[in-house]
PDB file of N, CA and C in Angstrom:
ATOM      1  N   MET A   1     -25.041   1.175  12.001  1.00  0.00           N
ATOM      2  CA  MET A   1     -24.297   1.589  12.141  1.00  0.00           C
ATOM      3  C   MET A   1     -24.469   2.873  12.001  1.00  0.00           C
ATOM      4  N   SER A   2     -24.057   3.425  12.789  1.00  0.00           N
ATOM      5  CA  SER A   2     -24.060   4.966  12.973  1.00  0.00           C
ATOM      6  C   SER A   2     -23.171   5.822  12.182  1.00  0.00           C
ATOM      7  N   PRO A   3     -23.464   6.802  11.607  1.00  0.00           N
ATOM      8  CA  PRO A   3     -22.464   7.917  11.076  1.00  0.00           C
ATOM      9  C   PRO A   3     -21.434   8.040  12.059  1.00  0.00           C
ATOM     10  N   GLU A   4     -21.420   7.982  13.081  1.00  0.00           N
ATOM     11  CA  GLU A   4     -20.249   8.513  14.254  1.00  0.00           C
ATOM     12  C   GLU A   4     -19.045   7.332  13.769  1.00  0.00           C
ATOM     13  N   PHE A   5     -19.993   6.507  14.088  1.00  0.00           N
ATOM     14  CA  PHE A   5     -19.145   4.740  14.000  1.00  0.00           C
ATOM     15  C   PHE A   5     -18.237   5.201  12.521  1.00  0.00           C
ATOM     16  N   ILE A   6     -18.903   5.080  10.984  1.00  0.00           N
ATOM     17  CA  ILE A   6     -18.474   5.122  10.177  1.00  0.00           C
ATOM     18  C   ILE A   6     -17.426   6.220   9.741  1.00  0.00           C
ATOM     19  N   ILE A   7     -17.234   7.063  10.263  1.00  0.00           N
ATOM     20  CA  ILE A   7     -16.855   8.654  10.533  1.00  0.00           C
ATOM     21  C   ILE A   7     -15.254   7.787  11.164  1.00  0.00           C
ATOM     22  N   GLY A   8     -15.627   7.622  12.444  1.00  0.00           N
ATOM     23  CA  GLY A   8     -14.642   7.158  13.253  1.00  0.00           C
ATOM     24  C   GLY A   8     -13.772   6.200  12.608  1.00  0.00           C
ATOM     25  N   PHE A   9     -14.176   5.323  12.061  1.00  0.00           N
ATOM     26  CA  PHE A   9     -13.699   3.675  11.299  1.00  0.00           C
ATOM     27  C   PHE A   9     -13.097   4.523  10.086  1.00  0.00           C
ATOM     28  N   MET A  10     -13.474   5.349   9.726  1.00  0.00           N
ATOM     29  CA  MET A  10     -12.357   5.861   7.807  1.00  0.00           C
ATOM     30  C   MET A  10     -11.572   6.768   8.904  1.00  0.00           C
ATOM     31  N   ARG A  11     -11.374   7.565   9.892  1.00  0.00           N
ATOM     32  CA  ARG A  11     -10.311   8.199   9.883  1.00  0.00           C
ATOM     33  C   ARG A  11      -9.323   7.706  10.521  1.00  0.00           C
ATOM     34  N   SER A  12      -9.681   6.224  11.365  1.00  0.00           N
ATOM     35  CA  SER A  12      -8.604   5.398  11.895  1.00  0.00           C
ATOM     36  C   SER A  12      -7.978   4.544  10.803  1.00  0.00           C
ATOM     37  N   ALA A  13      -8.637   4.605   9.807  1.00  0.00           N
ATOM     38  CA  ALA A  13      -8.138   4.292   8.492  1.00  0.00           C
ATOM     39  C   ALA A  13      -6.803   5.077   7.459  1.00  0.00           C
ATOM     40  N   ILE A  14      -7.708   6.597   7.668  1.00  0.00           N
ATOM     41  CA  ILE A  14      -6.439   7.263   6.841  1.00  0.00           C
ATOM     42  C   ILE A  14      -5.433   7.063   7.803  1.00  0.00           C
ATOM     43  N   GLU A  15      -5.646   7.781   8.889  1.00  0.00           N
ATOM     44  CA  GLU A  15      -4.452   7.786   9.920  1.00  0.00           C
ATOM     45  C   GLU A  15      -3.658   6.651   9.895  1.00  0.00           C
ATOM     46  N   LEU A  16      -4.167   5.633   9.575  1.00  0.00           N
ATOM     47  CA  LEU A  16      -3.236   3.794   9.199  1.00  0.00           C
ATOM     48  C   LEU A  16      -2.366   4.468   7.978  1.00  0.00           C
ATOM     49  N   THR A  17      -3.133   5.031   7.270  1.00  0.00           N
ATOM     50  CA  THR A  17      -2.564   4.934   5.757  1.00  0.00           C
ATOM     51  C   THR A  17      -1.408   6.052   5.745  1.00  0.00           C
ATOM     52  N   LEU A  18      -1.657   7.248   6.523  1.00  0.00           N
ATOM     53  CA  LEU A  18      -0.674   8.201   6.667  1.00  0.00           C
ATOM     54  C   LEU A  18       0.592   7.994   7.271  1.00  0.00           C
ATOM     55  N   SER A  19       0.601   7.222   8.595  1.00  0.00           N
ATOM     56  CA  SER A  19       1.368   6.952   9.106  1.00  0.00           C
ATOM     57  C   SER A  19       2.593   5.842   8.920  1.00  0.00           C
ATOM     58  N   ILE A  20       1.401   5.248   7.555  1.00  0.00           N
ATOM     59  CA  ILE A  20       2.588   4.049   7.371  1.00  0.00           C
ATOM     60  C   ILE A  20       3.333   4.787   5.964  1.00  0.00           C
ATOM     61  N   SER A  21       2.708   5.388   5.413  1.00  0.00           N
ATOM     62  CA  SER A  21       3.380   6.148   4.300  1.00  0.00           C
ATOM     63  C   SER A  21       4.245   7.063   4.498  1.00  0.00           C
ATOM     64  N   LEU A  22       4.490   7.504   5.864  1.00  0.00           N
ATOM     65  CA  LEU A  22       5.142   9.119   5.927  1.00  0.00           C
ATOM     66  C   LEU A  22       6.384   8.432   5.886  1.00  0.00           C
ATOM     67  N   PRO A  23       7.003   7.834   6.669  1.00  0.00           N
ATOM     68  CA  PRO A  23       8.141   7.346   6.307  1.00  0.00           C
ATOM     69  C   PRO A  23       9.317   7.493   5.231  1.00  0.00           C
ATOM     70  N   ILE A  24       8.767   6.926   3.965  1.00  0.00           N
ATOM     71  CA  ILE A  24       9.006   6.225   2.797  1.00  0.00           C
ATOM     72  C   ILE A  24       8.729   8.131   2.283  1.00  0.00           C
ATOM     73  N   LEU A  25       7.395   8.442   1.972  1.00  0.00           N
ATOM     74  CA  LEU A  25       7.377   9.556   1.602  1.00  0.00           C
ATOM     75  C   LEU A  25       8.731  11.036   2.347  1.00  0.00           C
ATOM     76  N   LEU A  26       9.195  10.557   3.517  1.00  0.00           N
ATOM     77  CA  LEU A  26       9.877  11.674   3.871  1.00  0.00           C
ATOM     78  C   LEU A  26      11.363  11.543   3.297  1.00  0.00           C
ATOM     79  N   VAL A  27      11.479  10.475   3.783  1.00  0.00           N
ATOM     80  CA  VAL A  27      12.499   9.811   2.906  1.00  0.00           C
ATOM     81  C   VAL A  27      12.709   9.898   1.291  1.00  0.00           C
ATOM     82  N   GLY A  28      12.060   9.994   0.339  1.00  0.00           N
ATOM     83  CA  GLY A  28      11.754  10.503  -0.921  1.00  0.00           C
ATOM     84  C   GLY A  28      11.674  11.829  -1.098  1.00  0.00           C
ATOM     85  N   LEU A  29      10.975  12.787  -0.167  1.00  0.00           N
ATOM     86  CA  LEU A  29      11.403  14.080  -0.389  1.00  0.00           C
ATOM     87  C   LEU A  29      12.710  14.832   0.180  1.00  0.00           C
ATOM     88  N   MET A  30      13.634  14.076   1.449  1.00  0.00           N
ATOM     89  CA  MET A  30      14.828  14.674   1.217  1.00  0.00           C
ATOM     90  C   MET A  30      15.890  14.128   0.276  1.00  0.00           C
ATOM     91  N   VAL A  31      15.594  13.125   0.051  1.00  0.00           N
ATOM     92  CA  VAL A  31      16.458  12.479  -1.337  1.00  0.00           C
ATOM     93  C   VAL A  31      16.315  13.545  -2.162  1.00  0.00           C
ATOM     94  N   GLY A  32      15.133  13.927  -2.691  1.00  0.00           N
ATOM     95  CA  GLY A  32      14.941  14.942  -3.904  1.00  0.00           C
ATOM     96  C   GLY A  32      15.649  16.029  -3.581  1.00  0.00           C
ATOM     97  N   VAL A  33      15.482  16.289  -2.313  1.00  0.00           N
ATOM     98  CA  VAL A  33      15.526  18.313  -2.211  1.00  0.00           C
ATOM     99  C   VAL A  33      17.406  17.751  -2.306  1.00  0.00           C
ATOM    100  N   ILE A  34      17.761  17.074  -1.828  1.00  0.00           N
ATOM    101  CA  ILE A  34      19.173  16.938  -1.927  1.00  0.00           C
ATOM    102  C   ILE A  34      20.276  16.729  -3.207  1.00  0.00           C
ATOM    103  N   VAL A  35      19.497  15.654  -3.901  1.00  0.00           N
ATOM    104  CA  VAL A  35      19.903  15.726  -5.082  1.00  0.00           C
ATOM    105  C   VAL A  35      19.593  16.862  -5.684  1.00  0.00           C
ATOM    106  N   SER A  36      18.464  18.201  -5.770  1.00  0.00           N
ATOM    107  CA  SER A  36      17.789  18.868  -6.701  1.00  0.00           C
ATOM    108  C   SER A  36      19.504  20.156  -6.096  1.00  0.00           C
ATOM    109  N   ILE A  37      19.740  19.925  -4.675  1.00  0.00           N
ATOM    110  CA  ILE A  37      20.541  20.737  -4.431  1.00  0.00           C
ATOM    111  C   ILE A  37      21.940  20.899  -4.971  1.00  0.00           C
ATOM    112  N   ILE A  38      22.683  19.359  -5.174  1.00  0.00           N
ATOM    113  CA  ILE A  38      23.650  19.358  -5.689  1.00  0.00           C
ATOM    114  C   ILE A  38      23.271  19.292  -7.217  1.00  0.00           C
ATOM    115  N   GLN A  39      22.211  19.433  -8.142  1.00  0.00           N
ATOM    116  CA  GLN A  39      22.513  19.960  -9.453  1.00  0.00           C
ATOM    117  C   GLN A  39      22.326  20.870  -9.862  1.00  0.00           C
ATOM    118  N   ALA A  40      21.784  21.555  -9.045  1.00  0.00           N
ATOM    119  CA  ALA A  40      22.058  23.442  -8.904  1.00  0.00           C
ATOM    120  C   ALA A  40      23.206  23.821  -9.012  1.00  0.00           C
ATOM    121  N   ALA A  41      23.980  23.268  -7.780  1.00  0.00           N
ATOM    122  CA  ALA A  41      25.458  23.265  -7.714  1.00  0.00           C
ATOM    123  C   ALA A  41      26.347  23.157  -8.850  1.00  0.00           C
ATOM    124  N   THR A  42      25.839  21.745  -9.505  1.00  0.00           N
ATOM    125  CA  THR A  42      26.533  21.358 -10.143  1.00  0.00           C
ATOM    126  C   THR A  42      26.227  22.113 -11.773  1.00  0.00           C
ATOM    127  N   GLN A  43      25.328  22.336 -11.634  1.00  0.00           N
ATOM    128  CA  GLN A  43      24.626  22.358 -13.382  1.00  0.00           C
ATOM    129  C   GLN A  43      24.573  21.342 -13.954  1.00  0.00           C
ATOM    130  N   ILE A  44      24.063  20.232 -13.403  1.00  0.00           N
ATOM    131  CA  ILE A  44      24.022  18.902 -13.878  1.00  0.00           C
ATOM    132  C   ILE A  44      22.257  18.897 -14.199  1.00  0.00           C
ATOM    133  N   GLN A  45      21.872  18.847 -15.243  1.00  0.00           N
ATOM    134  CA  GLN A  45      20.490  18.626 -15.251  1.00  0.00           C
ATOM    135  C   GLN A  45      20.314  16.998 -16.112  1.00  0.00           C
ATOM    136  N   GLU A  46      20.222  15.918 -14.909  1.00  0.00           N
ATOM    137  CA  GLU A  46      20.315  14.937 -15.953  1.00  0.00           C
ATOM    138  C   GLU A  46      18.990  13.917 -14.882  1.00  0.00           C
ATOM    139  N   THR A  47      17.588  13.554 -15.487  1.00  0.00           N
ATOM    140  CA  THR A  47      16.668  13.203 -14.932  1.00  0.00           C
ATOM    141  C   THR A  47      17.254  12.314 -13.894  1.00  0.00           C
ATOM    142  N   THR A  48      17.686  11.623 -14.610  1.00  0.00           N
ATOM    143  CA  THR A  48      17.837   9.962 -14.124  1.00  0.00           C
ATOM    144  C   THR A  48      18.709   9.775 -12.849  1.00  0.00           C
ATOM    145  N   LEU A  49      19.550  11.111 -12.450  1.00  0.00           N
ATOM    146  CA  LEU A  49      20.252  11.411 -11.745  1.00  0.00           C
ATOM    147  C   LEU A  49      19.060  11.501 -10.272  1.00  0.00           C
ATOM    148  N   THR A  50      18.129  12.301 -10.716  1.00  0.00           N
ATOM    149  CA  THR A  50      17.249  12.313  -9.449  1.00  0.00           C
ATOM    150  C   THR A  50      16.377  10.776  -8.972  1.00  0.00           C
ATOM    151  N   PHE A  51      15.879  10.741 -10.382  1.00  0.00           N
ATOM    152  CA  PHE A  51      15.320   8.958 -10.039  1.00  0.00           C
ATOM    153  C   PHE A  51      15.704   8.000  -9.512  1.00  0.00           C
ATOM    154  N   ILE A  52      16.886   7.714  -9.482  1.00  0.00           N
ATOM    155  CA  ILE A  52      17.975   6.462  -9.425  1.00  0.00           C
ATOM    156  C   ILE A  52      18.340   7.070  -7.688  1.00  0.00           C
ATOM    157  N   PRO A  53      18.631   7.719  -7.461  1.00  0.00           N
ATOM    158  CA  PRO A  53      18.761   8.045  -5.556  1.00  0.00           C
ATOM    159  C   PRO A  53      18.086   7.681  -4.847  1.00  0.00           C
ATOM    160  N   LYS A  54      16.685   8.282  -5.506  1.00  0.00           N
ATOM    161  CA  LYS A  54      15.037   8.012  -4.592  1.00  0.00           C
ATOM    162  C   LYS A  54      14.678   6.710  -4.680  1.00  0.00           C
ATOM    163  N   LEU A  55      15.139   6.233  -5.813  1.00  0.00           N
ATOM    164  CA  LEU A  55      14.189   4.644  -5.844  1.00  0.00           C
ATOM    165  C   LEU A  55      15.077   4.065  -4.827  1.00  0.00           C
ATOM    166  N   VAL A  56      16.473   4.128  -5.197  1.00  0.00           N
ATOM    167  CA  VAL A  56      17.546   3.217  -3.756  1.00  0.00           C
ATOM    168  C   VAL A  56      17.014   3.202  -2.191  1.00  0.00           C
ATOM    169  N   ALA A  57      16.770   5.043  -2.248  1.00  0.00           N
ATOM    170  CA  ALA A  57      16.281   5.220  -0.698  1.00  0.00           C
ATOM    171  C   ALA A  57      14.808   4.919  -0.231  1.00  0.00           C
ATOM    172  N   ILE A  58      14.482   5.170  -1.305  1.00  0.00           N
ATOM    173  CA  ILE A  58      12.655   4.326  -0.861  1.00  0.00           C
ATOM    174  C   ILE A  58      12.606   2.986  -0.701  1.00  0.00           C
ATOM    175  N   PHE A  59      13.998   2.002  -1.362  1.00  0.00           N
ATOM    176  CA  PHE A  59      13.442   0.864  -1.384  1.00  0.00           C
ATOM    177  C   PHE A  59      14.368   0.377   0.179  1.00  0.00           C
ATOM    178  N   MET A  60      14.918   1.172   0.150  1.00  0.00           N
ATOM    179  CA  MET A  60      15.632   0.725   1.993  1.00  0.00           C
ATOM    180  C   MET A  60      14.836   0.872   2.983  1.00  0.00           C
ATOM    181  N   VAL A  61      14.067   2.274   2.298  1.00  0.00           N
ATOM    182  CA  VAL A  61      13.332   2.633   3.693  1.00  0.00           C
ATOM    183  C   VAL A  61      12.225   1.687   3.881  1.00  0.00           C
ATOM    184  N   LEU A  62      11.844   0.978   2.451  1.00  0.00           N
ATOM    185  CA  LEU A  62      11.040  -0.057   2.790  1.00  0.00           C
ATOM    186  C   LEU A  62      10.963  -1.192   3.451  1.00  0.00           C
ATOM    187  N   LEU A  63      12.885  -1.399   2.893  1.00  0.00           N
ATOM    188  CA  LEU A  63      13.125  -2.807   3.779  1.00  0.00           C
ATOM    189  C   LEU A  63      13.215  -2.298   5.430  1.00  0.00           C
ATOM    190  N   LEU A  64      13.551  -1.624   5.713  1.00  0.00           N
ATOM    191  CA  LEU A  64      13.854  -1.445   6.846  1.00  0.00           C
ATOM    192  C   LEU A  64      12.328  -1.033   8.013  1.00  0.00           C
ATOM    193  N   THR A  65      11.564  -1.110   7.259  1.00  0.00           N
ATOM    194  CA  THR A  65      10.093  -0.361   8.075  1.00  0.00           C
ATOM    195  C   THR A  65       9.004  -1.421   7.524  1.00  0.00           C
ATOM    196  N   PHE A  66       9.725  -2.404   6.463  1.00  0.00           N
ATOM    197  CA  PHE A  66       8.598  -3.488   6.234  1.00  0.00           C
ATOM    198  C   PHE A  66       7.656  -3.994   7.620  1.00  0.00           C
ATOM    199  N   PRO A  67       8.705  -4.802   8.207  1.00  0.00           N
ATOM    200  CA  PRO A  67       7.928  -5.419   9.949  1.00  0.00           C
ATOM    201  C   PRO A  67       7.030  -4.694  10.523  1.00  0.00           C
ATOM    202  N   TRP A  68       7.446  -3.677  10.360  1.00  0.00           N
ATOM    203  CA  TRP A  68       6.337  -2.302  11.341  1.00  0.00           C
ATOM    204  C   TRP A  68       5.251  -2.445  10.405  1.00  0.00           C
ATOM    205  N   ILE A  69       5.609  -1.954   8.940  1.00  0.00           N
ATOM    206  CA  ILE A  69       4.422  -1.880   8.590  1.00  0.00           C
ATOM    207  C   ILE A  69       3.530  -3.291   8.327  1.00  0.00           C
ATOM    208  N   MET A  70       3.747  -4.354   8.211  1.00  0.00           N
ATOM    209  CA  MET A  70       2.717  -5.694   8.471  1.00  0.00           C
ATOM    210  C   MET A  70       2.051  -5.859   9.451  1.00  0.00           C
ATOM    211  N   GLU A  71       2.993  -5.310  10.847  1.00  0.00           N
ATOM    212  CA  GLU A  71       2.649  -5.761  11.994  1.00  0.00           C
ATOM    213  C   GLU A  71       1.494  -4.545  12.244  1.00  0.00           C
ATOM    214  N   ARG A  72       1.424  -3.155  11.352  1.00  0.00           N
ATOM    215  CA  ARG A  72       0.450  -2.385  11.853  1.00  0.00           C
ATOM    216  C   ARG A  72      -0.779  -2.695  11.143  1.00  0.00           C
ATOM    217  N   LEU A  73      -0.872  -2.902   9.614  1.00  0.00           N
ATOM    218  CA  LEU A  73      -1.737  -3.280   8.674  1.00  0.00           C
ATOM    219  C   LEU A  73      -2.704  -4.952   9.068  1.00  0.00           C
ATOM    220  N   SER A  74      -1.515  -5.707   9.692  1.00  0.00           N
ATOM    221  CA  SER A  74      -2.118  -7.201  10.487  1.00  0.00           C
ATOM    222  C   SER A  74      -2.995  -7.071  11.350  1.00  0.00           C
ATOM    223  N   THR A  75      -2.875  -6.237  12.567  1.00  0.00           N
ATOM    224  CA  THR A  75      -3.415  -5.634  14.089  1.00  0.00           C
ATOM    225  C   THR A  75      -4.575  -5.072  13.491  1.00  0.00           C
ATOM    226  N   PHE A  76      -4.849  -4.399  12.649  1.00  0.00           N
ATOM    227  CA  PHE A  76      -5.997  -3.101  11.895  1.00  0.00           C
ATOM    228  C   PHE A  76      -6.808  -4.304  11.430  1.00  0.00           C
ATOM    229  N   THR A  77      -6.130  -5.024  10.181  1.00  0.00           N
ATOM    230  CA  THR A  77      -7.226  -6.049   9.622  1.00  0.00           C
ATOM    231  C   THR A  77      -7.776  -6.930  10.400  1.00  0.00           C
ATOM    232  N   THR A  78      -6.662  -7.230  11.429  1.00  0.00           N
ATOM    233  CA  THR A  78      -7.375  -8.587  12.600  1.00  0.00           C
ATOM    234  C   THR A  78      -8.616  -7.888  13.569  1.00  0.00           C
ATOM    235  N   ASP A  79      -8.420  -6.794  13.883  1.00  0.00           N
ATOM    236  CA  ASP A  79      -9.348  -5.757  14.555  1.00  0.00           C
ATOM    237  C   ASP A  79     -10.744  -5.673  13.593  1.00  0.00           C
ATOM    238  N   LEU A  80     -10.525  -5.437  12.907  1.00  0.00           N
ATOM    239  CA  LEU A  80     -11.925  -5.043  11.628  1.00  0.00           C
ATOM    240  C   LEU A  80     -12.180  -6.197  11.698  1.00  0.00           C
ATOM    241  N   LEU A  81     -12.154  -7.553  11.452  1.00  0.00           N
ATOM    242  CA  LEU A  81     -12.212  -8.895  11.081  1.00  0.00           C
ATOM    243  C   LEU A  81     -12.987  -9.438  12.538  1.00  0.00           C
ATOM    244  N   LEU A  82     -12.207  -9.528  13.129  1.00  0.00           N
ATOM    245  CA  LEU A  82     -12.880 -10.094  14.526  1.00  0.00           C
ATOM    246  C   LEU A  82     -14.193  -9.093  15.477  1.00  0.00           C
ATOM    247  N   ASN A  83     -14.031  -7.895  15.160  1.00  0.00           N
ATOM    248  CA  ASN A  83     -15.353  -7.398  15.603  1.00  0.00           C
ATOM    249  C   ASN A  83     -16.132  -6.729  14.271  1.00  0.00           C
ATOM    250  N   ILE A  84     -16.043  -8.058  13.176  1.00  0.00           N
ATOM    251  CA  ILE A  84     -17.329  -7.599  12.215  1.00  0.00           C
ATOM    252  C   ILE A  84     -18.918  -8.126  12.728  1.00  0.00           C
ATOM    253  N   PRO A  85     -19.081  -8.786  13.933  1.00  0.00           N
ATOM    254  CA  PRO A  85     -20.292  -9.355  14.213  1.00  0.00           C
ATOM    255  C   PRO A  85     -20.684  -7.651  14.995  1.00  0.00           C
ATOM    256  N   ASN A  86     -19.960  -7.006  15.660  1.00  0.00           N
ATOM    257  CA  ASN A  86     -20.482  -5.961  16.207  1.00  0.00           C
ATOM    258  C   ASN A  86     -20.554  -4.938  15.537  1.00  0.00           C
ATOM    259  N   TYR A  87     -19.943  -5.050  14.296  1.00  0.00           N
ATOM    260  CA  TYR A  87     -20.209  -3.825  13.278  1.00  0.00           C
ATOM    261  C   TYR A  87     -21.584  -3.824  12.446  1.00  0.00           C
ATOM    262  N   VAL A  88     -22.127  -4.884  12.457  1.00  0.00           N
ATOM    263  CA  VAL A  88     -23.231  -5.900  11.615  1.00  0.00           C
ATOM    264  C   VAL A  88     -24.113  -5.146  12.095  1.00  0.00           C
ATOM    265  N   ARG A  89     -24.044  -5.197  13.687  1.00  0.00           N
ATOM    266  CA  ARG A  89     -25.691  -4.452  14.744  1.00  0.00           C
ATOM    267  C   ARG A  89     -25.838  -3.232  14.345  1.00  0.00           C
TER     268      ARG A  89
END
């Protein structure tokens, strides 16, 4: 295994991780900002008010994107396992 191969493999793993986590993180960020704006406008400072909407929104996005996430992960894992003989050389 050459250093270029290892760097390329790690890069593809990091890109996969980022692409899978991006929708979930963006929804959490957007809901957090919206709730913070509402809290600032109404001057309600309740910590559970930010936690519960983010939790529900992230859960909903996870439900919607789970088939896509599993397809991406299974494709990556299948490619990895099928190419083990090529990697050992």
